[in-house]
Amino acid sequence: MFPELKPYLTALIIPPALLLILILLGSLFIASRPKLARRITVLSVCLFWLLSTNAFSVWLHDQVIPEYSTISAKDLKEKKSRPS
C-alpha cells in the first residue's frame, strides 16, 4: 500500500492511541447517539485504565511470554558430549 505510512498507521492502532481515539469518538457521538457514545467512552476508559496497571501487565506477560528454566554449564557439557 503506502510503506511510508506504515509506522504512523501502526502507532494509531496500538494502545494507547487507539483507546484515546475511541474516547474522542465517543465524545463526538454524545449528541447524536448518547447511549452508544457512553458505552464506547466507558469501555475505552476502562480498558485504558486496565492496560495502565502493573498487575495486568504482569498477568499479560505471564500469559504471553513463555518462561524457560535456566541451564547450568554442567548440563550444557553433558548435552554436548552425548551423540545426537
PDB file of N, CA and C in Angstrom:
ATOM      1  N   MET A   1       0.841  -1.169   0.000  1.00  0.00           N
ATOM      2  CA  MET A   1       0.000   0.000   0.000  1.00  0.00           C
ATOM      3  C   MET A   1       0.894   1.241   0.000  1.00  0.00           C
ATOM      4  N   PHE A   2       1.071   1.878   1.125  1.00  0.00           N
ATOM      5  CA  PHE A   2       1.963   3.020   1.259  1.00  0.00           C
ATOM      6  C   PHE A   2       2.967   2.710   2.363  1.00  0.00           C
ATOM      7  N   PRO A   3       4.131   2.191   2.016  1.00  0.00           N
ATOM      8  CA  PRO A   3       5.087   1.772   3.048  1.00  0.00           C
ATOM      9  C   PRO A   3       5.555   2.910   3.945  1.00  0.00           C
ATOM     10  N   GLU A   4       5.534   4.132   3.435  1.00  0.00           N
ATOM     11  CA  GLU A   4       5.971   5.243   4.280  1.00  0.00           C
ATOM     12  C   GLU A   4       4.942   5.594   5.352  1.00  0.00           C
ATOM     13  N   LEU A   5       3.713   5.148   5.197  1.00  0.00           N
ATOM     14  CA  LEU A   5       2.664   5.403   6.188  1.00  0.00           C
ATOM     15  C   LEU A   5       2.576   4.314   7.257  1.00  0.00           C
ATOM     16  N   LYS A   6       3.263   3.206   7.051  1.00  0.00           N
ATOM     17  CA  LYS A   6       3.153   2.070   7.968  1.00  0.00           C
ATOM     18  C   LYS A   6       3.469   2.435   9.420  1.00  0.00           C
ATOM     19  N   PRO A   7       4.551   3.160   9.721  1.00  0.00           N
ATOM     20  CA  PRO A   7       4.808   3.493  11.130  1.00  0.00           C
ATOM     21  C   PRO A   7       3.706   4.343  11.750  1.00  0.00           C
ATOM     22  N   TYR A   8       3.124   5.233  10.977  1.00  0.00           N
ATOM     23  CA  TYR A   8       2.074   6.093  11.509  1.00  0.00           C
ATOM     24  C   TYR A   8       0.783   5.312  11.738  1.00  0.00           C
ATOM     25  N   LEU A   9       0.444   4.437  10.811  1.00  0.00           N
ATOM     26  CA  LEU A   9      -0.752   3.613  10.970  1.00  0.00           C
ATOM     27  C   LEU A   9      -0.598   2.636  12.130  1.00  0.00           C
ATOM     28  N   THR A  10       0.594   2.089  12.285  1.00  0.00           N
ATOM     29  CA  THR A  10       0.859   1.185  13.408  1.00  0.00           C
ATOM     30  C   THR A  10       0.715   1.918  14.729  1.00  0.00           C
ATOM     31  N   ALA A  11       1.226   3.135  14.811  1.00  0.00           N
ATOM     32  CA  ALA A  11       1.123   3.922  16.038  1.00  0.00           C
ATOM     33  C   ALA A  11      -0.323   4.253  16.379  1.00  0.00           C
ATOM     34  N   LEU A  12      -1.181   4.371  15.384  1.00  0.00           N
ATOM     35  CA  LEU A  12      -2.588   4.661  15.637  1.00  0.00           C
ATOM     36  C   LEU A  12      -3.363   3.432  16.102  1.00  0.00           C
ATOM     37  N   ILE A  13      -2.877   2.255  15.749  1.00  0.00           N
ATOM     38  CA  ILE A  13      -3.609   1.030  16.086  1.00  0.00           C
ATOM     39  C   ILE A  13      -3.293   0.528  17.483  1.00  0.00           C
ATOM     40  N   ILE A  14      -2.034   0.614  17.909  1.00  0.00           N
ATOM     41  CA  ILE A  14      -1.659   0.052  19.200  1.00  0.00           C
ATOM     42  C   ILE A  14      -2.037   1.007  20.332  1.00  0.00           C
ATOM     43  N   PRO A  15      -2.297   0.436  21.520  1.00  0.00           N
ATOM     44  CA  PRO A  15      -2.613   1.300  22.661  1.00  0.00           C
ATOM     45  C   PRO A  15      -1.424   2.180  23.004  1.00  0.00           C
ATOM     46  N   PRO A  16      -1.605   3.319  23.552  1.00  0.00           N
ATOM     47  CA  PRO A  16      -2.848   3.955  23.994  1.00  0.00           C
ATOM     48  C   PRO A  16      -3.529   4.792  22.928  1.00  0.00           C
ATOM     49  N   ALA A  17      -2.931   4.972  21.775  1.00  0.00           N
ATOM     50  CA  ALA A  17      -3.520   5.859  20.763  1.00  0.00           C
ATOM     51  C   ALA A  17      -4.909   5.396  20.342  1.00  0.00           C
ATOM     52  N   LEU A  18      -5.091   4.104  20.148  1.00  0.00           N
ATOM     53  CA  LEU A  18      -6.396   3.596  19.725  1.00  0.00           C
ATOM     54  C   LEU A  18      -7.466   3.909  20.767  1.00  0.00           C
ATOM     55  N   LEU A  19      -7.135   3.716  22.034  1.00  0.00           N
ATOM     56  CA  LEU A  19      -8.109   3.981  23.090  1.00  0.00           C
ATOM     57  C   LEU A  19      -8.406   5.472  23.203  1.00  0.00           C
ATOM     58  N   LEU A  20      -7.407   6.312  23.024  1.00  0.00           N
ATOM     59  CA  LEU A  20      -7.645   7.755  23.055  1.00  0.00           C
ATOM     60  C   LEU A  20      -8.526   8.188  21.883  1.00  0.00           C
ATOM     61  N   ILE A  21      -8.328   7.578  20.728  1.00  0.00           N
ATOM     62  CA  ILE A  21      -9.173   7.876  19.565  1.00  0.00           C
ATOM     63  C   ILE A  21     -10.609   7.429  19.826  1.00  0.00           C
ATOM     64  N   LEU A  22     -10.776   6.261  20.456  1.00  0.00           N
ATOM     65  CA  LEU A  22     -12.131   5.794  20.777  1.00  0.00           C
ATOM     66  C   LEU A  22     -12.809   6.692  21.802  1.00  0.00           C
ATOM     67  N   ILE A  23     -12.073   7.203  22.775  1.00  0.00           N
ATOM     68  CA  ILE A  23     -12.649   8.145  23.744  1.00  0.00           C
ATOM     69  C   ILE A  23     -13.092   9.418  23.024  1.00  0.00           C
ATOM     70  N   LEU A  24     -12.266   9.914  22.119  1.00  0.00           N
ATOM     71  CA  LEU A  24     -12.623  11.096  21.341  1.00  0.00           C
ATOM     72  C   LEU A  24     -13.843  10.823  20.463  1.00  0.00           C
ATOM     73  N   LEU A  25     -13.877   9.659  19.835  1.00  0.00           N
ATOM     74  CA  LEU A  25     -15.013   9.279  19.001  1.00  0.00           C
ATOM     75  C   LEU A  25     -16.297   9.208  19.825  1.00  0.00           C
ATOM     76  N   GLY A  26     -16.197   8.625  21.008  1.00  0.00           N
ATOM     77  CA  GLY A  26     -17.359   8.550  21.890  1.00  0.00           C
ATOM     78  C   GLY A  26     -17.853   9.921  22.302  1.00  0.00           C
ATOM     79  N   SER A  27     -16.932  10.841  22.559  1.00  0.00           N
ATOM     80  CA  SER A  27     -17.359  12.187  22.945  1.00  0.00           C
ATOM     81  C   SER A  27     -17.955  12.961  21.767  1.00  0.00           C
ATOM     82  N   LEU A  28     -17.555  12.615  20.556  1.00  0.00           N
ATOM     83  CA  LEU A  28     -18.144  13.269  19.383  1.00  0.00           C
ATOM     84  C   LEU A  28     -19.573  12.779  19.112  1.00  0.00           C
ATOM     85  N   PHE A  29     -19.859  11.523  19.457  1.00  0.00           N
ATOM     86  CA  PHE A  29     -21.189  10.946  19.222  1.00  0.00           C
ATOM     87  C   PHE A  29     -22.179  11.242  20.348  1.00  0.00           C
ATOM     88  N   ILE A  30     -21.771  11.949  21.387  1.00  0.00           N
ATOM     89  CA  ILE A  30     -22.628  12.129  22.562  1.00  0.00           C
ATOM     90  C   ILE A  30     -23.937  12.853  22.220  1.00  0.00           C
ATOM     91  N   ALA A  31     -23.913  13.744  21.241  1.00  0.00           N
ATOM     92  CA  ALA A  31     -25.136  14.478  20.889  1.00  0.00           C
ATOM     93  C   ALA A  31     -26.077  13.637  20.023  1.00  0.00           C
ATOM     94  N   SER A  32     -25.521  12.906  19.064  1.00  0.00           N
ATOM     95  CA  SER A  32     -26.380  12.174  18.135  1.00  0.00           C
ATOM     96  C   SER A  32     -26.781  10.797  18.651  1.00  0.00           C
ATOM     97  N   ARG A  33     -25.857  10.089  19.279  1.00  0.00           N
ATOM     98  CA  ARG A  33     -26.155   8.732  19.784  1.00  0.00           C
ATOM     99  C   ARG A  33     -25.600   8.594  21.190  1.00  0.00           C
ATOM    100  N   PRO A  34     -26.289   9.125  22.179  1.00  0.00           N
ATOM    101  CA  PRO A  34     -25.741   9.179  23.534  1.00  0.00           C
ATOM    102  C   PRO A  34     -25.499   7.809  24.178  1.00  0.00           C
ATOM    103  N   LYS A  35     -26.362   6.847  23.916  1.00  0.00           N
ATOM    104  CA  LYS A  35     -26.187   5.527  24.529  1.00  0.00           C
ATOM    105  C   LYS A  35     -24.930   4.834  23.999  1.00  0.00           C
ATOM    106  N   LEU A  36     -24.749   4.838  22.680  1.00  0.00           N
ATOM    107  CA  LEU A  36     -23.571   4.246  22.062  1.00  0.00           C
ATOM    108  C   LEU A  36     -22.306   5.002  22.473  1.00  0.00           C
ATOM    109  N   ALA A  37     -22.398   6.314  22.490  1.00  0.00           N
ATOM    110  CA  ALA A  37     -21.244   7.141  22.861  1.00  0.00           C
ATOM    111  C   ALA A  37     -20.812   6.857  24.301  1.00  0.00           C
ATOM    112  N   ARG A  38     -21.770   6.714  25.199  1.00  0.00           N
ATOM    113  CA  ARG A  38     -21.448   6.418  26.592  1.00  0.00           C
ATOM    114  C   ARG A  38     -20.773   5.059  26.715  1.00  0.00           C
ATOM    115  N   ARG A  39     -21.274   4.066  25.986  1.00  0.00           N
ATOM    116  CA  ARG A  39     -20.675   2.722  26.041  1.00  0.00           C
ATOM    117  C   ARG A  39     -19.247   2.728  25.497  1.00  0.00           C
ATOM    118  N   ILE A  40     -19.051   3.392  24.366  1.00  0.00           N
ATOM    119  CA  ILE A  40     -17.710   3.467  23.778  1.00  0.00           C
ATOM    120  C   ILE A  40     -16.749   4.167  24.724  1.00  0.00           C
ATOM    121  N   THR A  41     -17.190   5.271  25.295  1.00  0.00           N
ATOM    122  CA  THR A  41     -16.327   6.056  26.184  1.00  0.00           C
ATOM    123  C   THR A  41     -15.994   5.284  27.457  1.00  0.00           C
ATOM    124  N   VAL A  42     -16.987   4.687  28.082  1.00  0.00           N
ATOM    125  CA  VAL A  42     -16.748   3.947  29.333  1.00  0.00           C
ATOM    126  C   VAL A  42     -15.861   2.735  29.074  1.00  0.00           C
ATOM    127  N   LEU A  43     -16.124   2.000  28.020  1.00  0.00           N
ATOM    128  CA  LEU A  43     -15.303   0.834  27.698  1.00  0.00           C
ATOM    129  C   LEU A  43     -13.868   1.243  27.401  1.00  0.00           C
ATOM    130  N   SER A  44     -13.691   2.311  26.661  1.00  0.00           N
ATOM    131  CA  SER A  44     -12.343   2.774  26.327  1.00  0.00           C
ATOM    132  C   SER A  44     -11.583   3.252  27.562  1.00  0.00           C
ATOM    133  N   VAL A  45     -12.251   3.984  28.430  1.00  0.00           N
ATOM    134  CA  VAL A  45     -11.602   4.460  29.655  1.00  0.00           C
ATOM    135  C   VAL A  45     -11.233   3.280  30.552  1.00  0.00           C
ATOM    136  N   CYS A  46     -12.123   2.303  30.677  1.00  0.00           N
ATOM    137  CA  CYS A  46     -11.822   1.120  31.499  1.00  0.00           C
ATOM    138  C   CYS A  46     -10.651   0.326  30.926  1.00  0.00           C
ATOM    139  N   LEU A  47     -10.632   0.124  29.620  1.00  0.00           N
ATOM    140  CA  LEU A  47      -9.506  -0.581  29.005  1.00  0.00           C
ATOM    141  C   LEU A  47      -8.215   0.205  29.135  1.00  0.00           C
ATOM    142  N   PHE A  48      -8.301   1.520  28.992  1.00  0.00           N
ATOM    143  CA  PHE A  48      -7.132   2.384  29.155  1.00  0.00           C
ATOM    144  C   PHE A  48      -6.559   2.234  30.562  1.00  0.00           C
ATOM    145  N   TRP A  49      -7.446   2.234  31.561  1.00  0.00           N
ATOM    146  CA  TRP A  49      -7.008   2.066  32.946  1.00  0.00           C
ATOM    147  C   TRP A  49      -6.420   0.667  33.153  1.00  0.00           C
ATOM    148  N   LEU A  50      -7.083  -0.357  32.640  1.00  0.00           N
ATOM    149  CA  LEU A  50      -6.623  -1.732  32.813  1.00  0.00           C
ATOM    150  C   LEU A  50      -5.246  -1.938  32.187  1.00  0.00           C
ATOM    151  N   LEU A  51      -5.048  -1.436  30.990  1.00  0.00           N
ATOM    152  CA  LEU A  51      -3.756  -1.590  30.317  1.00  0.00           C
ATOM    153  C   LEU A  51      -2.660  -0.776  30.991  1.00  0.00           C
ATOM    154  N   SER A  52      -3.046   0.191  31.812  1.00  0.00           N
ATOM    155  CA  SER A  52      -2.059   1.025  32.501  1.00  0.00           C
ATOM    156  C   SER A  52      -1.620   0.439  33.837  1.00  0.00           C
ATOM    157  N   THR A  53      -2.318  -0.566  34.333  1.00  0.00           N
ATOM    158  CA  THR A  53      -1.973  -1.115  35.645  1.00  0.00           C
ATOM    159  C   THR A  53      -0.830  -2.117  35.552  1.00  0.00           C
ATOM    160  N   ASN A  54      -0.052  -2.157  36.612  1.00  0.00           N
ATOM    161  CA  ASN A  54       1.081  -3.075  36.670  1.00  0.00           C
ATOM    162  C   ASN A  54       0.613  -4.525  36.810  1.00  0.00           C
ATOM    163  N   ALA A  55      -0.449  -4.746  37.544  1.00  0.00           N
ATOM    164  CA  ALA A  55      -0.948  -6.112  37.748  1.00  0.00           C
ATOM    165  C   ALA A  55      -1.360  -6.746  36.421  1.00  0.00           C
ATOM    166  N   PHE A  56      -2.038  -6.010  35.570  1.00  0.00           N
ATOM    167  CA  PHE A  56      -2.437  -6.539  34.268  1.00  0.00           C
ATOM    168  C   PHE A  56      -1.217  -6.776  33.390  1.00  0.00           C
ATOM    169  N   SER A  57      -0.254  -5.900  33.492  1.00  0.00           N
ATOM    170  CA  SER A  57       0.977  -6.061  32.718  1.00  0.00           C
ATOM    171  C   SER A  57       1.702  -7.348  33.102  1.00  0.00           C
ATOM    172  N   VAL A  58       1.796  -7.608  34.386  1.00  0.00           N
ATOM    173  CA  VAL A  58       2.446  -8.833  34.853  1.00  0.00           C
ATOM    174  C   VAL A  58       1.647 -10.057  34.421  1.00  0.00           C
ATOM    175  N   TRP A  59       0.332 -10.009  34.564  1.00  0.00           N
ATOM    176  CA  TRP A  59      -0.512 -11.135  34.158  1.00  0.00           C
ATOM    177  C   TRP A  59      -0.376 -11.400  32.657  1.00  0.00           C
ATOM    178  N   LEU A  60      -0.412 -10.344  31.859  1.00  0.00           N
ATOM    179  CA  LEU A  60      -0.288 -10.497  30.414  1.00  0.00           C
ATOM    180  C   LEU A  60       1.073 -11.060  30.035  1.00  0.00           C
ATOM    181  N   HIS A  61       2.111 -10.618  30.714  1.00  0.00           N
ATOM    182  CA  HIS A  61       3.463 -11.141  30.474  1.00  0.00           C
ATOM    183  C   HIS A  61       3.508 -12.638  30.760  1.00  0.00           C
ATOM    184  N   ASP A  62       2.912 -13.042  31.873  1.00  0.00           N
ATOM    185  CA  ASP A  62       2.899 -14.468  32.226  1.00  0.00           C
ATOM    186  C   ASP A  62       2.110 -15.303  31.233  1.00  0.00           C
ATOM    187  N   GLN A  63       1.076 -14.729  30.637  1.00  0.00           N
ATOM    188  CA  GLN A  63       0.249 -15.469  29.691  1.00  0.00           C
ATOM    189  C   GLN A  63       0.875 -15.562  28.303  1.00  0.00           C
ATOM    190  N   VAL A  64       1.574 -14.531  27.884  1.00  0.00           N
ATOM    191  CA  VAL A  64       2.028 -14.439  26.502  1.00  0.00           C
ATOM    192  C   VAL A  64       3.468 -14.906  26.316  1.00  0.00           C
ATOM    193  N   ILE A  65       4.351 -14.510  27.218  1.00  0.00           N
ATOM    194  CA  ILE A  65       5.776 -14.793  27.046  1.00  0.00           C
ATOM    195  C   ILE A  65       6.142 -16.060  27.827  1.00  0.00           C
ATOM    196  N   PRO A  66       6.653 -17.073  27.135  1.00  0.00           N
ATOM    197  CA  PRO A  66       6.989 -18.327  27.823  1.00  0.00           C
ATOM    198  C   PRO A  66       8.223 -18.161  28.715  1.00  0.00           C
ATOM    199  N   GLU A  67       8.213 -18.884  29.816  1.00  0.00           N
ATOM    200  CA  GLU A  67       9.347 -18.885  30.741  1.00  0.00           C
ATOM    201  C   GLU A  67      10.158 -20.160  30.509  1.00  0.00           C
ATOM    202  N   TYR A  68      11.444 -20.025  30.378  1.00  0.00           N
ATOM    203  CA  TYR A  68      12.331 -21.164  30.215  1.00  0.00           C
ATOM    204  C   TYR A  68      13.200 -21.286  31.453  1.00  0.00           C
ATOM    205  N   SER A  69      13.431 -22.527  31.885  1.00  0.00           N
ATOM    206  CA  SER A  69      14.289 -22.721  33.043  1.00  0.00           C
ATOM    207  C   SER A  69      15.744 -22.478  32.639  1.00  0.00           C
ATOM    208  N   THR A  70      16.518 -22.047  33.614  1.00  0.00           N
ATOM    209  CA  THR A  70      17.927 -21.794  33.336  1.00  0.00           C
ATOM    210  C   THR A  70      18.671 -23.117  33.200  1.00  0.00           C
ATOM    211  N   ILE A  71      19.731 -23.097  32.460  1.00  0.00           N
ATOM    212  CA  ILE A  71      20.515 -24.299  32.243  1.00  0.00           C
ATOM    213  C   ILE A  71      21.922 -24.044  32.764  1.00  0.00           C
ATOM    214  N   SER A  72      22.479 -25.023  33.418  1.00  0.00           N
ATOM    215  CA  SER A  72      23.808 -24.849  34.008  1.00  0.00           C
ATOM    216  C   SER A  72      24.888 -25.271  33.006  1.00  0.00           C
ATOM    217  N   ALA A  73      26.111 -24.898  33.325  1.00  0.00           N
ATOM    218  CA  ALA A  73      27.234 -25.259  32.458  1.00  0.00           C
ATOM    219  C   ALA A  73      27.410 -26.782  32.427  1.00  0.00           C
ATOM    220  N   LYS A  74      27.144 -27.433  33.547  1.00  0.00           N
ATOM    221  CA  LYS A  74      27.259 -28.891  33.620  1.00  0.00           C
ATOM    222  C   LYS A  74      26.282 -29.563  32.658  1.00  0.00           C
ATOM    223  N   ASP A  75      25.042 -29.071  32.640  1.00  0.00           N
ATOM    224  CA  ASP A  75      24.040 -29.623  31.728  1.00  0.00           C
ATOM    225  C   ASP A  75      24.433 -29.406  30.271  1.00  0.00           C
ATOM    226  N   LEU A  76      25.011 -28.273  29.976  1.00  0.00           N
ATOM    227  CA  LEU A  76      25.470 -27.997  28.608  1.00  0.00           C
ATOM    228  C   LEU A  76      26.578 -28.951  28.193  1.00  0.00           C
ATOM    229  N   LYS A  77      27.518 -29.189  29.101  1.00  0.00           N
ATOM    230  CA  LYS A  77      28.623 -30.108  28.787  1.00  0.00           C
ATOM    231  C   LYS A  77      28.105 -31.519  28.569  1.00  0.00           C
ATOM    232  N   GLU A  78      27.163 -31.962  29.412  1.00  0.00           N
ATOM    233  CA  GLU A  78      26.588 -33.298  29.260  1.00  0.00           C
ATOM    234  C   GLU A  78      25.840 -33.429  27.930  1.00  0.00           C
ATOM    235  N   LYS A  79      25.090 -32.405  27.579  1.00  0.00           N
ATOM    236  CA  LYS A  79      24.348 -32.452  26.325  1.00  0.00           C
ATOM    237  C   LYS A  79      25.288 -32.439  25.120  1.00  0.00           C
ATOM    238  N   LYS A  80      26.375 -31.691  25.236  1.00  0.00           N
ATOM    239  CA  LYS A  80      27.334 -31.603  24.145  1.00  0.00           C
ATOM    240  C   LYS A  80      28.091 -32.905  23.976  1.00  0.00           C
ATOM    241  N   SER A  81      28.376 -33.599  25.072  1.00  0.00           N
ATOM    242  CA  SER A  81      29.160 -34.824  24.997  1.00  0.00           C
ATOM    243  C   SER A  81      28.336 -36.017  24.486  1.00  0.00           C
ATOM    244  N   ARG A  82      27.008 -35.958  24.644  1.00  0.00           N
ATOM    245  CA  ARG A  82      26.142 -37.025  24.146  1.00  0.00           C
ATOM    246  C   ARG A  82      26.017 -36.922  22.632  1.00  0.00           C
ATOM    247  N   PRO A  83      26.187 -38.062  21.920  1.00  0.00           N
ATOM    248  CA  PRO A  83      25.966 -38.016  20.472  1.00  0.00           C
ATOM    249  C   PRO A  83      24.482 -37.903  20.168  1.00  0.00           C
ATOM    250  N   SER A  84      24.173 -37.165  19.139  1.00  0.00           N
ATOM    251  CA  SER A  84      22.765 -36.968  18.765  1.00  0.00           C
ATOM    252  C   SER A  84      22.277 -38.061  17.856  1.00  0.00           C
TER     253      SER A  84
END
